[in-house]
Amino acid sequence: MSLEKHDLLHELPESKDAIHKLKTTDQHFAKLFETYHDIDHEVHRIEQGVETTSDEYLEEQKKKRLSLKDQLYSIIRDYEASMAS
């Protein structure tokens, strides 16, 4: 089974500069990014079999990761739109 990485830089390579700028200038974005990274890392370790947990816990973490990704993507999209105008 191939395990896919879900880190933001891997999923949004075209937004690398925006992500870096937001991480260094937007405290809210930086906190969301850190939480997303921590959950993504945990999910990846569970999927690799390094950590074990219940299926319910894993699914809950995946839902949290998706919600955080949606929030982060929205902030990135708004930032990039403001830079384009």
N, C-alpha and C. Protein backbone atom coordinates (compact mmCIF):
# COMPACT_ATOMS: atom_id res chain seq x y z
N MET A 1 0.84 -1.18 0.00
CA MET A 1 0.00 0.00 0.00
C MET A 1 0.88 1.25 0.00
N SER A 2 0.66 2.11 -0.96
CA SER A 2 1.41 3.34 -1.07
C SER A 2 0.80 4.40 -0.16
N LEU A 3 1.62 5.00 0.68
CA LEU A 3 1.14 6.02 1.59
C LEU A 3 1.50 7.39 1.04
N GLU A 4 0.50 8.22 0.90
CA GLU A 4 0.68 9.54 0.32
C GLU A 4 0.96 10.57 1.39
N LYS A 5 1.93 11.44 1.12
CA LYS A 5 2.20 12.55 2.03
C LYS A 5 1.16 13.63 1.80
N HIS A 6 0.74 14.28 2.89
CA HIS A 6 -0.27 15.33 2.78
C HIS A 6 0.23 16.68 3.29
N ASP A 7 1.55 16.85 3.39
CA ASP A 7 2.03 18.14 3.86
C ASP A 7 1.69 19.21 2.83
N LEU A 8 1.47 20.42 3.30
CA LEU A 8 0.99 21.50 2.42
C LEU A 8 1.96 21.84 1.30
N LEU A 9 3.24 21.83 1.58
CA LEU A 9 4.19 22.16 0.52
C LEU A 9 4.18 21.11 -0.59
N HIS A 10 3.91 19.86 -0.23
CA HIS A 10 3.80 18.79 -1.22
C HIS A 10 2.52 18.93 -2.03
N GLU A 11 1.44 19.31 -1.35
CA GLU A 11 0.14 19.40 -2.02
C GLU A 11 -0.06 20.72 -2.76
N LEU A 12 0.61 21.77 -2.33
CA LEU A 12 0.44 23.09 -2.95
C LEU A 12 1.80 23.70 -3.31
N PRO A 13 2.57 23.02 -4.15
CA PRO A 13 3.92 23.53 -4.46
C PRO A 13 3.90 24.91 -5.10
N GLU A 14 2.84 25.24 -5.82
CA GLU A 14 2.75 26.55 -6.47
C GLU A 14 2.55 27.68 -5.45
N SER A 15 2.21 27.32 -4.21
CA SER A 15 1.97 28.31 -3.16
C SER A 15 3.09 28.35 -2.13
N LYS A 16 4.25 27.81 -2.48
CA LYS A 16 5.37 27.73 -1.54
C LYS A 16 5.73 29.09 -0.96
N ASP A 17 5.84 30.11 -1.81
CA ASP A 17 6.22 31.45 -1.33
C ASP A 17 5.15 32.03 -0.41
N ALA A 18 3.88 31.86 -0.78
CA ALA A 18 2.79 32.38 0.05
C ALA A 18 2.76 31.68 1.40
N ILE A 19 2.96 30.37 1.41
CA ILE A 19 2.96 29.62 2.66
C ILE A 19 4.09 30.11 3.56
N HIS A 20 5.27 30.28 2.99
CA HIS A 20 6.41 30.76 3.79
C HIS A 20 6.12 32.15 4.36
N LYS A 21 5.61 33.04 3.53
CA LYS A 21 5.32 34.42 3.98
C LYS A 21 4.27 34.40 5.09
N LEU A 22 3.20 33.62 4.90
CA LEU A 22 2.15 33.56 5.91
C LEU A 22 2.65 32.94 7.22
N LYS A 23 3.49 31.93 7.13
CA LYS A 23 4.03 31.31 8.35
C LYS A 23 4.85 32.30 9.16
N THR A 24 5.48 33.24 8.49
CA THR A 24 6.35 34.18 9.19
C THR A 24 5.68 35.49 9.57
N THR A 25 4.50 35.77 8.99
CA THR A 25 3.86 37.07 9.27
C THR A 25 2.46 36.96 9.87
N ASP A 26 1.84 35.80 9.81
CA ASP A 26 0.46 35.63 10.28
C ASP A 26 0.44 34.58 11.39
N GLN A 27 0.30 35.06 12.63
CA GLN A 27 0.36 34.17 13.79
C GLN A 27 -0.73 33.10 13.75
N HIS A 28 -1.93 33.47 13.32
CA HIS A 28 -3.03 32.51 13.24
C HIS A 28 -2.71 31.42 12.21
N PHE A 29 -2.23 31.82 11.05
CA PHE A 29 -1.86 30.85 10.01
C PHE A 29 -0.75 29.93 10.53
N ALA A 30 0.25 30.51 11.18
CA ALA A 30 1.38 29.72 11.68
C ALA A 30 0.91 28.66 12.67
N LYS A 31 -0.03 29.02 13.55
CA LYS A 31 -0.54 28.05 14.54
C LYS A 31 -1.33 26.95 13.83
N LEU A 32 -2.20 27.33 12.89
CA LEU A 32 -2.95 26.33 12.13
C LEU A 32 -2.00 25.41 11.36
N PHE A 33 -0.97 26.00 10.76
CA PHE A 33 0.00 25.23 9.99
C PHE A 33 0.72 24.23 10.89
N GLU A 34 1.13 24.66 12.06
CA GLU A 34 1.83 23.78 13.00
C GLU A 34 0.91 22.63 13.45
N THR A 35 -0.33 22.94 13.76
CA THR A 35 -1.28 21.91 14.17
C THR A 35 -1.53 20.93 13.03
N TYR A 36 -1.71 21.46 11.82
CA TYR A 36 -1.90 20.60 10.64
C TYR A 36 -0.70 19.67 10.47
N HIS A 37 0.50 20.23 10.55
CA HIS A 37 1.72 19.43 10.38
C HIS A 37 1.80 18.31 11.43
N ASP A 38 1.50 18.65 12.68
CA ASP A 38 1.55 17.65 13.75
C ASP A 38 0.55 16.52 13.51
N ILE A 39 -0.67 16.86 13.13
CA ILE A 39 -1.69 15.83 12.87
C ILE A 39 -1.32 15.02 11.64
N ASP A 40 -0.83 15.68 10.59
CA ASP A 40 -0.43 14.96 9.39
C ASP A 40 0.68 13.96 9.69
N HIS A 41 1.64 14.39 10.49
CA HIS A 41 2.75 13.51 10.86
C HIS A 41 2.23 12.31 11.66
N GLU A 42 1.32 12.56 12.59
CA GLU A 42 0.76 11.48 13.39
C GLU A 42 -0.01 10.49 12.51
N VAL A 43 -0.85 10.99 11.61
CA VAL A 43 -1.62 10.13 10.72
C VAL A 43 -0.67 9.29 9.86
N HIS A 44 0.37 9.91 9.35
CA HIS A 44 1.33 9.18 8.51
C HIS A 44 2.01 8.06 9.30
N ARG A 45 2.38 8.35 10.54
CA ARG A 45 3.02 7.32 11.37
C ARG A 45 2.05 6.17 11.68
N ILE A 46 0.79 6.48 11.90
CA ILE A 46 -0.21 5.44 12.15
C ILE A 46 -0.38 4.59 10.91
N GLU A 47 -0.48 5.25 9.75
CA GLU A 47 -0.67 4.52 8.49
C GLU A 47 0.54 3.65 8.15
N GLN A 48 1.72 4.06 8.58
CA GLN A 48 2.93 3.28 8.35
C GLN A 48 3.04 2.11 9.33
N GLY A 49 2.24 2.13 10.38
CA GLY A 49 2.32 1.07 11.38
C GLY A 49 3.31 1.35 12.48
N VAL A 50 3.87 2.56 12.50
CA VAL A 50 4.82 2.94 13.54
C VAL A 50 4.10 3.14 14.86
N GLU A 51 2.89 3.68 14.79
CA GLU A 51 2.03 3.88 15.96
C GLU A 51 0.74 3.11 15.71
N THR A 52 0.16 2.62 16.77
CA THR A 52 -1.12 1.92 16.64
C THR A 52 -2.20 2.66 17.42
N THR A 53 -3.40 2.59 16.89
CA THR A 53 -4.54 3.24 17.51
C THR A 53 -5.80 2.64 16.93
N SER A 54 -6.93 3.09 17.40
CA SER A 54 -8.19 2.58 16.87
C SER A 54 -8.48 3.21 15.51
N ASP A 55 -9.27 2.52 14.71
CA ASP A 55 -9.68 3.06 13.41
C ASP A 55 -10.47 4.35 13.59
N GLU A 56 -11.26 4.42 14.65
CA GLU A 56 -12.08 5.61 14.92
C GLU A 56 -11.19 6.82 15.18
N TYR A 57 -10.13 6.62 15.97
CA TYR A 57 -9.21 7.71 16.27
C TYR A 57 -8.52 8.19 14.99
N LEU A 58 -8.07 7.24 14.18
CA LEU A 58 -7.41 7.59 12.93
C LEU A 58 -8.35 8.39 12.03
N GLU A 59 -9.58 7.96 11.91
CA GLU A 59 -10.55 8.69 11.07
C GLU A 59 -10.81 10.09 11.61
N GLU A 60 -10.88 10.21 12.94
CA GLU A 60 -11.10 11.53 13.55
C GLU A 60 -9.92 12.46 13.25
N GLN A 61 -8.70 11.93 13.33
CA GLN A 61 -7.52 12.73 13.02
C GLN A 61 -7.52 13.15 11.55
N LYS A 62 -7.92 12.25 10.67
CA LYS A 62 -7.99 12.59 9.25
C LYS A 62 -9.01 13.69 9.01
N LYS A 63 -10.14 13.66 9.72
CA LYS A 63 -11.14 14.71 9.58
C LYS A 63 -10.61 16.05 10.08
N LYS A 64 -9.88 16.03 11.19
CA LYS A 64 -9.27 17.26 11.70
C LYS A 64 -8.27 17.81 10.69
N ARG A 65 -7.46 16.91 10.13
CA ARG A 65 -6.46 17.32 9.14
C ARG A 65 -7.14 17.97 7.93
N LEU A 66 -8.20 17.39 7.46
CA LEU A 66 -8.92 17.94 6.31
C LEU A 66 -9.51 19.31 6.63
N SER A 67 -10.08 19.45 7.81
CA SER A 67 -10.64 20.74 8.21
C SER A 67 -9.56 21.80 8.28
N LEU A 68 -8.42 21.46 8.87
CA LEU A 68 -7.31 22.40 8.94
C LEU A 68 -6.80 22.75 7.55
N LYS A 69 -6.71 21.76 6.68
CA LYS A 69 -6.24 22.02 5.31
C LYS A 69 -7.19 22.99 4.60
N ASP A 70 -8.48 22.80 4.78
CA ASP A 70 -9.45 23.70 4.17
C ASP A 70 -9.25 25.14 4.67
N GLN A 71 -9.05 25.29 5.98
CA GLN A 71 -8.84 26.62 6.55
C GLN A 71 -7.55 27.25 6.02
N LEU A 72 -6.50 26.46 6.00
CA LEU A 72 -5.21 26.96 5.51
C LEU A 72 -5.30 27.33 4.03
N TYR A 73 -5.93 26.48 3.24
CA TYR A 73 -6.05 26.75 1.81
C TYR A 73 -6.83 28.05 1.58
N SER A 74 -7.87 28.27 2.37
CA SER A 74 -8.66 29.48 2.23
C SER A 74 -7.81 30.72 2.52
N ILE A 75 -6.99 30.65 3.56
CA ILE A 75 -6.12 31.77 3.89
C ILE A 75 -5.09 31.99 2.78
N ILE A 76 -4.51 30.91 2.28
CA ILE A 76 -3.52 31.01 1.19
C ILE A 76 -4.17 31.62 -0.05
N ARG A 77 -5.34 31.14 -0.41
CA ARG A 77 -6.05 31.64 -1.59
C ARG A 77 -6.34 33.13 -1.45
N ASP A 78 -6.83 33.56 -0.27
CA ASP A 78 -7.12 34.97 -0.03
C ASP A 78 -5.85 35.80 -0.11
N TYR A 79 -4.77 35.30 0.47
CA TYR A 79 -3.49 36.02 0.44
C TYR A 79 -3.00 36.17 -1.00
N GLU A 80 -3.03 35.09 -1.75
CA GLU A 80 -2.56 35.15 -3.15
C GLU A 80 -3.43 36.08 -3.98
N ALA A 81 -4.73 36.10 -3.73
CA ALA A 81 -5.63 37.00 -4.46
C ALA A 81 -5.30 38.45 -4.13
N SER A 82 -5.00 38.72 -2.87
CA SER A 82 -4.67 40.10 -2.47
C SER A 82 -3.35 40.55 -3.07
N MET A 83 -2.44 39.62 -3.28
CA MET A 83 -1.14 39.94 -3.87
C MET A 83 -1.26 40.16 -5.37
N ALA A 84 -2.25 39.54 -6.00
CA ALA A 84 -2.43 39.66 -7.45
C ALA A 84 -3.12 40.95 -7.84
N SER A 85 -3.81 41.57 -6.89
CA SER A 85 -4.54 42.79 -7.24
C SER A 85 -3.77 44.04 -6.98
